[in-house]
Amino acid sequence: MDDFAPPAAGELSAIYDLLYRLGVTATYTGFFHTSYAVYLTIQQPERLLLVTKWLYPEVAKRYGTSWRCVERNIRTVSGVAWSRSRPLLEELARAPLNAAPGTSRFLAILTHTLSGNSAA
């Protein structure tokens, strides 16, 4: 679970760019939590299966916080993306979204977009 080296700044730039396109800026703590979570799930997509037990704790460890704070901050980022860039978010999801996606779905959409896979 801890096998991955910390990402280099260049490895996160595509994730940062996508979040900026969605209207999320680095003024949100969740910007960095989301970026690192997406980085980890690109490396190991299975992390999306157990976000509260596997993904959030790893992000929390890196940022010195709790998994609950990580989840809340990613939820905030998802809500910002939903309110500012719903059409782009739906395009990335390749499906209409009737409500803001939950954190797991939001991370899956971003991960699949950046890894070039099919719809989340």
PDB file of N, CA and C in Angstrom:
ATOM      1  N   MET A   1       0.819  -1.183   0.000  1.00  0.00           N
ATOM      2  CA  MET A   1       0.000   0.000   0.000  1.00  0.00           C
ATOM      3  C   MET A   1       0.864   1.248   0.000  1.00  0.00           C
ATOM      4  N   ASP A   2       2.030   1.248   0.632  1.00  0.00           N
ATOM      5  CA  ASP A   2       2.902   2.415   0.704  1.00  0.00           C
ATOM      6  C   ASP A   2       4.063   2.313  -0.279  1.00  0.00           C
ATOM      7  N   ASP A   3       3.927   1.537  -1.341  1.00  0.00           N
ATOM      8  CA  ASP A   3       5.027   1.238  -2.242  1.00  0.00           C
ATOM      9  C   ASP A   3       5.397   2.386  -3.170  1.00  0.00           C
ATOM     10  N   PHE A   4       4.611   3.424  -3.235  1.00  0.00           N
ATOM     11  CA  PHE A   4       4.804   4.440  -4.236  1.00  0.00           C
ATOM     12  C   PHE A   4       5.625   5.601  -3.720  1.00  0.00           C
ATOM     13  N   ALA A   5       6.592   6.009  -4.536  1.00  0.00           N
ATOM     14  CA  ALA A   5       7.393   7.181  -4.194  1.00  0.00           C
ATOM     15  C   ALA A   5       6.520   8.421  -4.317  1.00  0.00           C
ATOM     16  N   PRO A   6       6.856   9.460  -3.575  1.00  0.00           N
ATOM     17  CA  PRO A   6       6.091  10.708  -3.712  1.00  0.00           C
ATOM     18  C   PRO A   6       6.167  11.203  -5.157  1.00  0.00           C
ATOM     19  N   PRO A   7       5.099  11.769  -5.652  1.00  0.00           N
ATOM     20  CA  PRO A   7       5.095  12.213  -7.040  1.00  0.00           C
ATOM     21  C   PRO A   7       5.981  13.430  -7.240  1.00  0.00           C
ATOM     22  N   ALA A   8       6.595  13.483  -8.400  1.00  0.00           N
ATOM     23  CA  ALA A   8       7.339  14.679  -8.790  1.00  0.00           C
ATOM     24  C   ALA A   8       6.319  15.731  -9.215  1.00  0.00           C
ATOM     25  N   ALA A   9       6.705  16.990  -9.160  1.00  0.00           N
ATOM     26  CA  ALA A   9       5.785  18.085  -9.511  1.00  0.00           C
ATOM     27  C   ALA A   9       5.213  17.894 -10.904  1.00  0.00           C
ATOM     28  N   GLY A  10       6.008  17.434 -11.837  1.00  0.00           N
ATOM     29  CA  GLY A  10       5.540  17.230 -13.211  1.00  0.00           C
ATOM     30  C   GLY A  10       4.460  16.171 -13.319  1.00  0.00           C
ATOM     31  N   GLU A  11       4.517  15.182 -12.445  1.00  0.00           N
ATOM     32  CA  GLU A  11       3.519  14.111 -12.478  1.00  0.00           C
ATOM     33  C   GLU A  11       2.145  14.614 -12.046  1.00  0.00           C
ATOM     34  N   LEU A  12       2.122  15.664 -11.271  1.00  0.00           N
ATOM     35  CA  LEU A  12       0.856  16.206 -10.798  1.00  0.00           C
ATOM     36  C   LEU A  12       0.309  17.302 -11.712  1.00  0.00           C
ATOM     37  N   SER A  13       1.092  17.794 -12.647  1.00  0.00           N
ATOM     38  CA  SER A  13       0.664  18.950 -13.445  1.00  0.00           C
ATOM     39  C   SER A  13      -0.596  18.672 -14.257  1.00  0.00           C
ATOM     40  N   ALA A  14      -0.738  17.484 -14.821  1.00  0.00           N
ATOM     41  CA  ALA A  14      -1.953  17.171 -15.585  1.00  0.00           C
ATOM     42  C   ALA A  14      -3.177  17.156 -14.668  1.00  0.00           C
ATOM     43  N   ILE A  15      -2.997  16.682 -13.443  1.00  0.00           N
ATOM     44  CA  ILE A  15      -4.098  16.658 -12.473  1.00  0.00           C
ATOM     45  C   ILE A  15      -4.452  18.090 -12.086  1.00  0.00           C
ATOM     46  N   TYR A  16      -3.442  18.898 -11.805  1.00  0.00           N
ATOM     47  CA  TYR A  16      -3.679  20.303 -11.475  1.00  0.00           C
ATOM     48  C   TYR A  16      -4.417  21.002 -12.606  1.00  0.00           C
ATOM     49  N   ASP A  17      -3.956  20.772 -13.832  1.00  0.00           N
ATOM     50  CA  ASP A  17      -4.588  21.412 -14.996  1.00  0.00           C
ATOM     51  C   ASP A  17      -6.063  21.044 -15.099  1.00  0.00           C
ATOM     52  N   LEU A  18      -6.374  19.769 -14.894  1.00  0.00           N
ATOM     53  CA  LEU A  18      -7.763  19.326 -14.973  1.00  0.00           C
ATOM     54  C   LEU A  18      -8.614  19.985 -13.887  1.00  0.00           C
ATOM     55  N   LEU A  19      -8.090  20.050 -12.678  1.00  0.00           N
ATOM     56  CA  LEU A  19      -8.840  20.694 -11.596  1.00  0.00           C
ATOM     57  C   LEU A  19      -9.066  22.177 -11.890  1.00  0.00           C
ATOM     58  N   TYR A  20      -8.057  22.852 -12.427  1.00  0.00           N
ATOM     59  CA  TYR A  20      -8.233  24.262 -12.799  1.00  0.00           C
ATOM     60  C   TYR A  20      -9.292  24.408 -13.887  1.00  0.00           C
ATOM     61  N   ARG A  21      -9.306  23.494 -14.848  1.00  0.00           N
ATOM     62  CA  ARG A  21     -10.335  23.527 -15.896  1.00  0.00           C
ATOM     63  C   ARG A  21     -11.728  23.353 -15.308  1.00  0.00           C
ATOM     64  N   LEU A  22     -11.824  22.627 -14.214  1.00  0.00           N
ATOM     65  CA  LEU A  22     -13.105  22.397 -13.538  1.00  0.00           C
ATOM     66  C   LEU A  22     -13.467  23.542 -12.593  1.00  0.00           C
ATOM     67  N   GLY A  23     -12.624  24.556 -12.521  1.00  0.00           N
ATOM     68  CA  GLY A  23     -12.920  25.710 -11.683  1.00  0.00           C
ATOM     69  C   GLY A  23     -12.427  25.602 -10.257  1.00  0.00           C
ATOM     70  N   VAL A  24     -11.605  24.613  -9.981  1.00  0.00           N
ATOM     71  CA  VAL A  24     -11.066  24.409  -8.636  1.00  0.00           C
ATOM     72  C   VAL A  24      -9.641  24.965  -8.612  1.00  0.00           C
ATOM     73  N   THR A  25      -9.367  25.831  -7.653  1.00  0.00           N
ATOM     74  CA  THR A  25      -8.037  26.423  -7.556  1.00  0.00           C
ATOM     75  C   THR A  25      -7.297  25.895  -6.335  1.00  0.00           C
ATOM     76  N   ALA A  26      -6.023  26.230  -6.271  1.00  0.00           N
ATOM     77  CA  ALA A  26      -5.177  25.762  -5.176  1.00  0.00           C
ATOM     78  C   ALA A  26      -5.475  26.474  -3.858  1.00  0.00           C
ATOM     79  N   THR A  27      -6.463  27.343  -3.844  1.00  0.00           N
ATOM     80  CA  THR A  27      -6.856  27.980  -2.587  1.00  0.00           C
ATOM     81  C   THR A  27      -7.664  27.033  -1.702  1.00  0.00           C
ATOM     82  N   TYR A  28      -8.096  25.920  -2.260  1.00  0.00           N
ATOM     83  CA  TYR A  28      -8.820  24.899  -1.496  1.00  0.00           C
ATOM     84  C   TYR A  28      -7.832  23.841  -1.024  1.00  0.00           C
ATOM     85  N   THR A  29      -7.870  23.498   0.252  1.00  0.00           N
ATOM     86  CA  THR A  29      -7.025  22.419   0.766  1.00  0.00           C
ATOM     87  C   THR A  29      -7.318  21.137  -0.004  1.00  0.00           C
ATOM     88  N   GLY A  30      -8.579  20.933  -0.337  1.00  0.00           N
ATOM     89  CA  GLY A  30      -8.983  19.747  -1.070  1.00  0.00           C
ATOM     90  C   GLY A  30      -8.364  19.640  -2.455  1.00  0.00           C
ATOM     91  N   PHE A  31      -7.890  20.751  -3.003  1.00  0.00           N
ATOM     92  CA  PHE A  31      -7.201  20.723  -4.293  1.00  0.00           C
ATOM     93  C   PHE A  31      -6.021  19.757  -4.209  1.00  0.00           C
ATOM     94  N   PHE A  32      -5.244  19.871  -3.148  1.00  0.00           N
ATOM     95  CA  PHE A  32      -4.061  19.027  -2.997  1.00  0.00           C
ATOM     96  C   PHE A  32      -4.423  17.615  -2.560  1.00  0.00           C
ATOM     97  N   HIS A  33      -5.437  17.498  -1.716  1.00  0.00           N
ATOM     98  CA  HIS A  33      -5.893  16.165  -1.317  1.00  0.00           C
ATOM     99  C   HIS A  33      -6.428  15.408  -2.533  1.00  0.00           C
ATOM    100  N   THR A  34      -7.218  16.090  -3.340  1.00  0.00           N
ATOM    101  CA  THR A  34      -7.771  15.472  -4.545  1.00  0.00           C
ATOM    102  C   THR A  34      -6.667  15.095  -5.516  1.00  0.00           C
ATOM    103  N   SER A  35      -5.727  16.000  -5.717  1.00  0.00           N
ATOM    104  CA  SER A  35      -4.624  15.742  -6.652  1.00  0.00           C
ATOM    105  C   SER A  35      -3.841  14.500  -6.257  1.00  0.00           C
ATOM    106  N   TYR A  36      -3.504  14.401  -4.987  1.00  0.00           N
ATOM    107  CA  TYR A  36      -2.730  13.249  -4.543  1.00  0.00           C
ATOM    108  C   TYR A  36      -3.565  11.972  -4.601  1.00  0.00           C
ATOM    109  N   ALA A  37      -4.840  12.059  -4.267  1.00  0.00           N
ATOM    110  CA  ALA A  37      -5.715  10.887  -4.344  1.00  0.00           C
ATOM    111  C   ALA A  37      -5.810  10.393  -5.788  1.00  0.00           C
ATOM    112  N   VAL A  38      -5.956  11.308  -6.729  1.00  0.00           N
ATOM    113  CA  VAL A  38      -6.020  10.921  -8.144  1.00  0.00           C
ATOM    114  C   VAL A  38      -4.695  10.320  -8.579  1.00  0.00           C
ATOM    115  N   TYR A  39      -3.603  10.913  -8.165  1.00  0.00           N
ATOM    116  CA  TYR A  39      -2.278  10.361  -8.476  1.00  0.00           C
ATOM    117  C   TYR A  39      -2.184   8.903  -8.007  1.00  0.00           C
ATOM    118  N   LEU A  40      -2.592   8.656  -6.758  1.00  0.00           N
ATOM    119  CA  LEU A  40      -2.525   7.299  -6.213  1.00  0.00           C
ATOM    120  C   LEU A  40      -3.433   6.334  -6.965  1.00  0.00           C
ATOM    121  N   THR A  41      -4.616   6.798  -7.348  1.00  0.00           N
ATOM    122  CA  THR A  41      -5.537   5.890  -8.036  1.00  0.00           C
ATOM    123  C   THR A  41      -5.127   5.654  -9.492  1.00  0.00           C
ATOM    124  N   ILE A  42      -4.424   6.586 -10.089  1.00  0.00           N
ATOM    125  CA  ILE A  42      -3.867   6.324 -11.419  1.00  0.00           C
ATOM    126  C   ILE A  42      -2.821   5.218 -11.307  1.00  0.00           C
ATOM    127  N   GLN A  43      -2.017   5.275 -10.245  1.00  0.00           N
ATOM    128  CA  GLN A  43      -0.992   4.254 -10.023  1.00  0.00           C
ATOM    129  C   GLN A  43      -1.608   2.892  -9.707  1.00  0.00           C
ATOM    130  N   GLN A  44      -2.711   2.907  -8.966  1.00  0.00           N
ATOM    131  CA  GLN A  44      -3.340   1.669  -8.511  1.00  0.00           C
ATOM    132  C   GLN A  44      -4.851   1.879  -8.441  1.00  0.00           C
ATOM    133  N   PRO A  45      -5.558   1.651  -9.560  1.00  0.00           N
ATOM    134  CA  PRO A  45      -7.002   1.922  -9.629  1.00  0.00           C
ATOM    135  C   PRO A  45      -7.841   1.175  -8.587  1.00  0.00           C
ATOM    136  N   GLU A  46      -7.344   0.073  -8.073  1.00  0.00           N
ATOM    137  CA  GLU A  46      -8.090  -0.685  -7.067  1.00  0.00           C
ATOM    138  C   GLU A  46      -8.344   0.126  -5.805  1.00  0.00           C
ATOM    139  N   ARG A  47      -7.590   1.179  -5.609  1.00  0.00           N
ATOM    140  CA  ARG A  47      -7.790   2.031  -4.431  1.00  0.00           C
ATOM    141  C   ARG A  47      -9.200   2.628  -4.417  1.00  0.00           C
ATOM    142  N   LEU A  48      -9.823   2.762  -5.582  1.00  0.00           N
ATOM    143  CA  LEU A  48     -11.184   3.303  -5.649  1.00  0.00           C
ATOM    144  C   LEU A  48     -12.210   2.358  -5.021  1.00  0.00           C
ATOM    145  N   LEU A  49     -11.846   1.113  -4.824  1.00  0.00           N
ATOM    146  CA  LEU A  49     -12.769   0.150  -4.229  1.00  0.00           C
ATOM    147  C   LEU A  49     -12.925   0.333  -2.727  1.00  0.00           C
ATOM    148  N   LEU A  50     -11.897   0.849  -2.072  1.00  0.00           N
ATOM    149  CA  LEU A  50     -11.914   1.014  -0.618  1.00  0.00           C
ATOM    150  C   LEU A  50     -11.375   2.394  -0.253  1.00  0.00           C
ATOM    151  N   VAL A  51     -12.089   3.424  -0.656  1.00  0.00           N
ATOM    152  CA  VAL A  51     -11.565   4.773  -0.458  1.00  0.00           C
ATOM    153  C   VAL A  51     -11.398   5.135   1.021  1.00  0.00           C
ATOM    154  N   THR A  52     -12.339   4.762   1.869  1.00  0.00           N
ATOM    155  CA  THR A  52     -12.224   5.165   3.280  1.00  0.00           C
ATOM    156  C   THR A  52     -11.212   4.322   4.051  1.00  0.00           C
ATOM    157  N   LYS A  53     -10.934   3.143   3.591  1.00  0.00           N
ATOM    158  CA  LYS A  53      -9.997   2.272   4.307  1.00  0.00           C
ATOM    159  C   LYS A  53      -8.603   2.276   3.700  1.00  0.00           C
ATOM    160  N   TRP A  54      -8.485   2.647   2.428  1.00  0.00           N
ATOM    161  CA  TRP A  54      -7.205   2.507   1.745  1.00  0.00           C
ATOM    162  C   TRP A  54      -6.701   3.829   1.167  1.00  0.00           C
ATOM    163  N   LEU A  55      -7.557   4.562   0.487  1.00  0.00           N
ATOM    164  CA  LEU A  55      -7.124   5.773  -0.203  1.00  0.00           C
ATOM    165  C   LEU A  55      -7.043   6.985   0.729  1.00  0.00           C
ATOM    166  N   TYR A  56      -8.134   7.315   1.396  1.00  0.00           N
ATOM    167  CA  TYR A  56      -8.143   8.501   2.257  1.00  0.00           C
ATOM    168  C   TYR A  56      -7.075   8.442   3.356  1.00  0.00           C
ATOM    169  N   PRO A  57      -6.872   7.291   4.015  1.00  0.00           N
ATOM    170  CA  PRO A  57      -5.822   7.253   5.042  1.00  0.00           C
ATOM    171  C   PRO A  57      -4.422   7.547   4.479  1.00  0.00           C
ATOM    172  N   GLU A  58      -4.170   7.101   3.261  1.00  0.00           N
ATOM    173  CA  GLU A  58      -2.862   7.359   2.652  1.00  0.00           C
ATOM    174  C   GLU A  58      -2.676   8.846   2.347  1.00  0.00           C
ATOM    175  N   VAL A  59      -3.727   9.481   1.857  1.00  0.00           N
ATOM    176  CA  VAL A  59      -3.675  10.922   1.595  1.00  0.00           C
ATOM    177  C   VAL A  59      -3.536  11.671   2.918  1.00  0.00           C
ATOM    178  N   ALA A  60      -4.297  11.252   3.913  1.00  0.00           N
ATOM    179  CA  ALA A  60      -4.252  11.900   5.230  1.00  0.00           C
ATOM    180  C   ALA A  60      -2.855  11.802   5.843  1.00  0.00           C
ATOM    181  N   LYS A  61      -2.231  10.655   5.684  1.00  0.00           N
ATOM    182  CA  LYS A  61      -0.878  10.455   6.215  1.00  0.00           C
ATOM    183  C   LYS A  61       0.095  11.448   5.574  1.00  0.00           C
ATOM    184  N   ARG A  62      -0.012  11.632   4.278  1.00  0.00           N
ATOM    185  CA  ARG A  62       0.892  12.547   3.568  1.00  0.00           C
ATOM    186  C   ARG A  62       0.704  13.992   4.032  1.00  0.00           C
ATOM    187  N   TYR A  63      -0.531  14.373   4.324  1.00  0.00           N
ATOM    188  CA  TYR A  63      -0.823  15.759   4.681  1.00  0.00           C
ATOM    189  C   TYR A  63      -1.011  15.988   6.178  1.00  0.00           C
ATOM    190  N   GLY A  64      -0.791  14.958   6.989  1.00  0.00           N
ATOM    191  CA  GLY A  64      -0.857  15.113   8.433  1.00  0.00           C
ATOM    192  C   GLY A  64      -2.234  15.486   8.954  1.00  0.00           C
ATOM    193  N   THR A  65      -3.247  14.817   8.440  1.00  0.00           N
ATOM    194  CA  THR A  65      -4.615  15.099   8.860  1.00  0.00           C
ATOM    195  C   THR A  65      -5.369  13.781   8.993  1.00  0.00           C
ATOM    196  N   SER A  66      -6.653  13.833   9.180  1.00  0.00           N
ATOM    197  CA  SER A  66      -7.448  12.608   9.312  1.00  0.00           C
ATOM    198  C   SER A  66      -8.110  12.256   7.980  1.00  0.00           C
ATOM    199  N   TRP A  67      -8.489  11.002   7.855  1.00  0.00           N
ATOM    200  CA  TRP A  67      -9.150  10.582   6.619  1.00  0.00           C
ATOM    201  C   TRP A  67     -10.485  11.294   6.459  1.00  0.00           C
ATOM    202  N   ARG A  68     -11.124  11.629   7.561  1.00  0.00           N
ATOM    203  CA  ARG A  68     -12.409  12.334   7.505  1.00  0.00           C
ATOM    204  C   ARG A  68     -12.242  13.732   6.917  1.00  0.00           C
ATOM    205  N   CYS A  69     -11.155  14.405   7.286  1.00  0.00           N
ATOM    206  CA  CYS A  69     -10.878  15.731   6.706  1.00  0.00           C
ATOM    207  C   CYS A  69     -10.595  15.610   5.208  1.00  0.00           C
ATOM    208  N   VAL A  70      -9.871  14.570   4.826  1.00  0.00           N
ATOM    209  CA  VAL A  70      -9.590  14.342   3.406  1.00  0.00           C
ATOM    210  C   VAL A  70     -10.898  14.158   2.645  1.00  0.00           C
ATOM    211  N   GLU A  71     -11.782  13.317   3.174  1.00  0.00           N
ATOM    212  CA  GLU A  71     -13.064  13.068   2.505  1.00  0.00           C
ATOM    213  C   GLU A  71     -13.873  14.357   2.390  1.00  0.00           C
ATOM    214  N   ARG A  72     -13.946  15.128   3.454  1.00  0.00           N
ATOM    215  CA  ARG A  72     -14.688  16.385   3.440  1.00  0.00           C
ATOM    216  C   ARG A  72     -14.103  17.366   2.423  1.00  0.00           C
ATOM    217  N   ASN A  73     -12.780  17.465   2.382  1.00  0.00           N
ATOM    218  CA  ASN A  73     -12.141  18.401   1.463  1.00  0.00           C
ATOM    219  C   ASN A  73     -12.312  17.984   0.005  1.00  0.00           C
ATOM    220  N   ILE A  74     -12.287  16.689  -0.268  1.00  0.00           N
ATOM    221  CA  ILE A  74     -12.542  16.217  -1.632  1.00  0.00           C
ATOM    222  C   ILE A  74     -14.006  16.453  -1.993  1.00  0.00           C
ATOM    223  N   ARG A  75     -14.913  16.268  -1.035  1.00  0.00           N
ATOM    224  CA  ARG A  75     -16.330  16.550  -1.272  1.00  0.00           C
ATOM    225  C   ARG A  75     -16.533  18.024  -1.629  1.00  0.00           C
ATOM    226  N   THR A  76     -15.815  18.902  -0.941  1.00  0.00           N
ATOM    227  CA  THR A  76     -15.888  20.330  -1.241  1.00  0.00           C
ATOM    228  C   THR A  76     -15.416  20.602  -2.667  1.00  0.00           C
ATOM    229  N   VAL A  77     -14.299  20.008  -3.055  1.00  0.00           N
ATOM    230  CA  VAL A  77     -13.769  20.187  -4.410  1.00  0.00           C
ATOM    231  C   VAL A  77     -14.764  19.671  -5.444  1.00  0.00           C
ATOM    232  N   SER A  78     -15.364  18.524  -5.183  1.00  0.00           N
ATOM    233  CA  SER A  78     -16.365  17.977  -6.089  1.00  0.00           C
ATOM    234  C   SER A  78     -17.538  18.937  -6.247  1.00  0.00           C
ATOM    235  N   GLY A  79     -17.985  19.521  -5.141  1.00  0.00           N
ATOM    236  CA  GLY A  79     -19.090  20.482  -5.184  1.00  0.00           C
ATOM    237  C   GLY A  79     -18.732  21.738  -5.954  1.00  0.00           C
ATOM    238  N   VAL A  80     -17.505  22.211  -5.808  1.00  0.00           N
ATOM    239  CA  VAL A  80     -17.049  23.386  -6.556  1.00  0.00           C
ATOM    240  C   VAL A  80     -17.032  23.068  -8.054  1.00  0.00           C
ATOM    241  N   ALA A  81     -16.484  21.916  -8.409  1.00  0.00           N
ATOM    242  CA  ALA A  81     -16.447  21.518  -9.820  1.00  0.00           C
ATOM    243  C   ALA A  81     -17.868  21.395 -10.378  1.00  0.00           C
ATOM    244  N   TRP A  82     -18.773  20.839  -9.590  1.00  0.00           N
ATOM    245  CA  TRP A  82     -20.167  20.683  -9.993  1.00  0.00           C
ATOM    246  C   TRP A  82     -20.819  22.038 -10.240  1.00  0.00           C
ATOM    247  N   SER A  83     -20.607  22.970  -9.343  1.00  0.00           N
ATOM    248  CA  SER A  83     -21.280  24.268  -9.466  1.00  0.00           C
ATOM    249  C   SER A  83     -20.645  25.172 -10.528  1.00  0.00           C
ATOM    250  N   ARG A  84     -19.359  25.034 -10.748  1.00  0.00           N
ATOM    251  CA  ARG A  84     -18.675  25.924 -11.692  1.00  0.00           C
ATOM    252  C   ARG A  84     -18.537  25.355 -13.090  1.00  0.00           C
ATOM    253  N   SER A  85     -18.484  24.030 -13.210  1.00  0.00           N
ATOM    254  CA  SER A  85     -18.185  23.420 -14.510  1.00  0.00           C
ATOM    255  C   SER A  85     -18.972  22.142 -14.744  1.00  0.00           C
ATOM    256  N   ARG A  86     -20.252  22.190 -14.450  1.00  0.00           N
ATOM    257  CA  ARG A  86     -21.071  20.986 -14.609  1.00  0.00           C
ATOM    258  C   ARG A  86     -21.009  20.407 -16.023  1.00  0.00           C
ATOM    259  N   PRO A  87     -21.099  21.225 -17.091  1.00  0.00           N
ATOM    260  CA  PRO A  87     -21.026  20.636 -18.430  1.00  0.00           C
ATOM    261  C   PRO A  87     -19.720  19.873 -18.685  1.00  0.00           C
ATOM    262  N   LEU A  88     -18.600  20.429 -18.245  1.00  0.00           N
ATOM    263  CA  LEU A  88     -17.325  19.740 -18.428  1.00  0.00           C
ATOM    264  C   LEU A  88     -17.275  18.465 -17.591  1.00  0.00           C
ATOM    265  N   LEU A  89     -17.772  18.529 -16.377  1.00  0.00           N
ATOM    266  CA  LEU A  89     -17.785  17.346 -15.518  1.00  0.00           C
ATOM    267  C   LEU A  89     -18.631  16.236 -16.147  1.00  0.00           C
ATOM    268  N   GLU A  90     -19.778  16.599 -16.717  1.00  0.00           N
ATOM    269  CA  GLU A  90     -20.618  15.601 -17.386  1.00  0.00           C
ATOM    270  C   GLU A  90     -19.931  15.056 -18.632  1.00  0.00           C
ATOM    271  N   GLU A  91     -19.210  15.908 -19.332  1.00  0.00           N
ATOM    272  CA  GLU A  91     -18.459  15.453 -20.512  1.00  0.00           C
ATOM    273  C   GLU A  91     -17.385  14.449 -20.093  1.00  0.00           C
ATOM    274  N   LEU A  92     -16.695  14.743 -19.018  1.00  0.00           N
ATOM    275  CA  LEU A  92     -15.667  13.827 -18.520  1.00  0.00           C
ATOM    276  C   LEU A  92     -16.266  12.514 -18.037  1.00  0.00           C
ATOM    277  N   ALA A  93     -17.449  12.599 -17.428  1.00  0.00           N
ATOM    278  CA  ALA A  93     -18.128  11.391 -16.938  1.00  0.00           C
ATOM    279  C   ALA A  93     -18.744  10.603 -18.081  1.00  0.00           C
ATOM    280  N   ARG A  94     -18.899  11.253 -19.225  1.00  0.00           N
ATOM    281  CA  ARG A  94     -19.530  10.656 -20.407  1.00  0.00           C
ATOM    282  C   ARG A  94     -20.953  10.201 -20.122  1.00  0.00           C
ATOM    283  N   ALA A  95     -21.608  10.973 -19.236  1.00  0.00           N
ATOM    284  CA  ALA A  95     -22.988  10.673 -18.878  1.00  0.00           C
ATOM    285  C   ALA A  95     -23.577  11.895 -18.180  1.00  0.00           C
ATOM    286  N   PRO A  96     -24.886  12.081 -18.307  1.00  0.00           N
ATOM    287  CA  PRO A  96     -25.500  13.173 -17.549  1.00  0.00           C
ATOM    288  C   PRO A  96     -25.426  12.868 -16.058  1.00  0.00           C
ATOM    289  N   LEU A  97     -25.217  13.897 -15.277  1.00  0.00           N
ATOM    290  CA  LEU A  97     -25.178  13.739 -13.826  1.00  0.00           C
ATOM    291  C   LEU A  97     -26.370  14.490 -13.253  1.00  0.00           C
ATOM    292  N   ASN A  98     -27.263  13.792 -12.593  1.00  0.00           N
ATOM    293  CA  ASN A  98     -28.460  14.410 -12.021  1.00  0.00           C
ATOM    294  C   ASN A  98     -28.186  15.120 -10.713  1.00  0.00           C
ATOM    295  N   ALA A  99     -27.054  14.791 -10.107  1.00  0.00           N
ATOM    296  CA  ALA A  99     -26.648  15.424  -8.855  1.00  0.00           C
ATOM    297  C   ALA A  99     -25.131  15.448  -8.825  1.00  0.00           C
ATOM    298  N   ALA A 100     -24.595  16.242  -7.936  1.00  0.00           N
ATOM    299  CA  ALA A 100     -23.139  16.284  -7.788  1.00  0.00           C
ATOM    300  C   ALA A 100     -22.631  14.884  -7.464  1.00  0.00           C
ATOM    301  N   PRO A 101     -21.560  14.463  -8.107  1.00  0.00           N
ATOM    302  CA  PRO A 101     -21.051  13.116  -7.826  1.00  0.00           C
ATOM    303  C   PRO A 101     -20.473  13.040  -6.407  1.00  0.00           C
ATOM    304  N   GLY A 102     -20.612  11.887  -5.809  1.00  0.00           N
ATOM    305  CA  GLY A 102     -19.979  11.652  -4.516  1.00  0.00           C
ATOM    306  C   GLY A 102     -18.469  11.638  -4.692  1.00  0.00           C
ATOM    307  N   THR A 103     -17.759  11.593  -3.596  1.00  0.00           N
ATOM    308  CA  THR A 103     -16.307  11.681  -3.679  1.00  0.00           C
ATOM    309  C   THR A 103     -15.690  10.531  -4.470  1.00  0.00           C
ATOM    310  N   SER A 104     -16.159   9.326  -4.255  1.00  0.00           N
ATOM    311  CA  SER A 104     -15.606   8.179  -4.983  1.00  0.00           C
ATOM    312  C   SER A 104     -15.842   8.313  -6.481  1.00  0.00           C
ATOM    313  N   ARG A 105     -17.047   8.698  -6.844  1.00  0.00           N
ATOM    314  CA  ARG A 105     -17.373   8.869  -8.268  1.00  0.00           C
ATOM    315  C   ARG A 105     -16.554  10.008  -8.870  1.00  0.00           C
ATOM    316  N   PHE A 106     -16.417  11.105  -8.145  1.00  0.00           N
ATOM    317  CA  PHE A 106     -15.631  12.233  -8.620  1.00  0.00           C
ATOM    318  C   PHE A 106     -14.185  11.809  -8.869  1.00  0.00           C
ATOM    319  N   LEU A 107     -13.600  11.095  -7.920  1.00  0.00           N
ATOM    320  CA  LEU A 107     -12.231  10.618  -8.093  1.00  0.00           C
ATOM    321  C   LEU A 107     -12.127   9.644  -9.260  1.00  0.00           C
ATOM    322  N   ALA A 108     -13.136   8.802  -9.422  1.00  0.00           N
ATOM    323  CA  ALA A 108     -13.134   7.852 -10.540  1.00  0.00           C
ATOM    324  C   ALA A 108     -13.196   8.589 -11.877  1.00  0.00           C
ATOM    325  N   ILE A 109     -14.015   9.616 -11.963  1.00  0.00           N
ATOM    326  CA  ILE A 109     -14.116  10.403 -13.198  1.00  0.00           C
ATOM    327  C   ILE A 109     -12.765  11.025 -13.534  1.00  0.00           C
ATOM    328  N   LEU A 110     -12.132  11.646 -12.557  1.00  0.00           N
ATOM    329  CA  LEU A 110     -10.835  12.281 -12.799  1.00  0.00           C
ATOM    330  C   LEU A 110      -9.774  11.252 -13.160  1.00  0.00           C
ATOM    331  N   THR A 111      -9.750  10.156 -12.428  1.00  0.00           N
ATOM    332  CA  THR A 111      -8.757   9.107 -12.671  1.00  0.00           C
ATOM    333  C   THR A 111      -8.906   8.528 -14.070  1.00  0.00           C
ATOM    334  N   HIS A 112     -10.113   8.205 -14.452  1.00  0.00           N
ATOM    335  CA  HIS A 112     -10.337   7.616 -15.767  1.00  0.00           C
ATOM    336  C   HIS A 112     -10.054   8.615 -16.881  1.00  0.00           C
ATOM    337  N   THR A 113     -10.353   9.867 -16.653  1.00  0.00           N
ATOM    338  CA  THR A 113     -10.052  10.895 -17.645  1.00  0.00           C
ATOM    339  C   THR A 113      -8.540  10.985 -17.880  1.00  0.00           C
ATOM    340  N   LEU A 114      -7.794  11.014 -16.807  1.00  0.00           N
ATOM    341  CA  LEU A 114      -6.344  11.196 -16.918  1.00  0.00           C
ATOM    342  C   LEU A 114      -5.609   9.939 -17.316  1.00  0.00           C
ATOM    343  N   SER A 115      -6.194   8.787 -17.071  1.00  0.00           N
ATOM    344  CA  SER A 115      -5.518   7.547 -17.459  1.00  0.00           C
ATOM    345  C   SER A 115      -5.973   7.071 -18.835  1.00  0.00           C
ATOM    346  N   GLY A 116      -6.926   7.812 -19.438  1.00  0.00           N
ATOM    347  CA  GLY A 116      -7.362   7.476 -20.791  1.00  0.00           C
ATOM    348  C   GLY A 116      -8.300   6.301 -20.879  1.00  0.00           C
ATOM    349  N   ASN A 117      -8.904   5.925 -19.769  1.00  0.00           N
ATOM    350  CA  ASN A 117      -9.836   4.797 -19.770  1.00  0.00           C
ATOM    351  C   ASN A 117     -11.226   5.259 -20.158  1.00  0.00           C
ATOM    352  N   SER A 118     -12.134   4.300 -20.212  1.00  0.00           N
ATOM    353  CA  SER A 118     -13.530   4.611 -20.540  1.00  0.00           C
ATOM    354  C   SER A 118     -14.210   5.292 -19.370  1.00  0.00           C
ATOM    355  N   ALA A 119     -15.491   5.553 -19.518  1.00  0.00           N
ATOM    356  CA  ALA A 119     -16.273   6.314 -18.528  1.00  0.00           C
ATOM    357  C   ALA A 119     -16.167   5.707 -17.139  1.00  0.00           C
ATOM    358  N   ALA A 120     -16.250   6.575 -16.142  1.00  0.00           N
ATOM    359  CA  ALA A 120     -16.147   6.144 -14.745  1.00  0.00           C
ATOM    360  C   ALA A 120     -17.461   5.590 -14.265  1.00  0.00           C
TER     361      ALA A 120
END
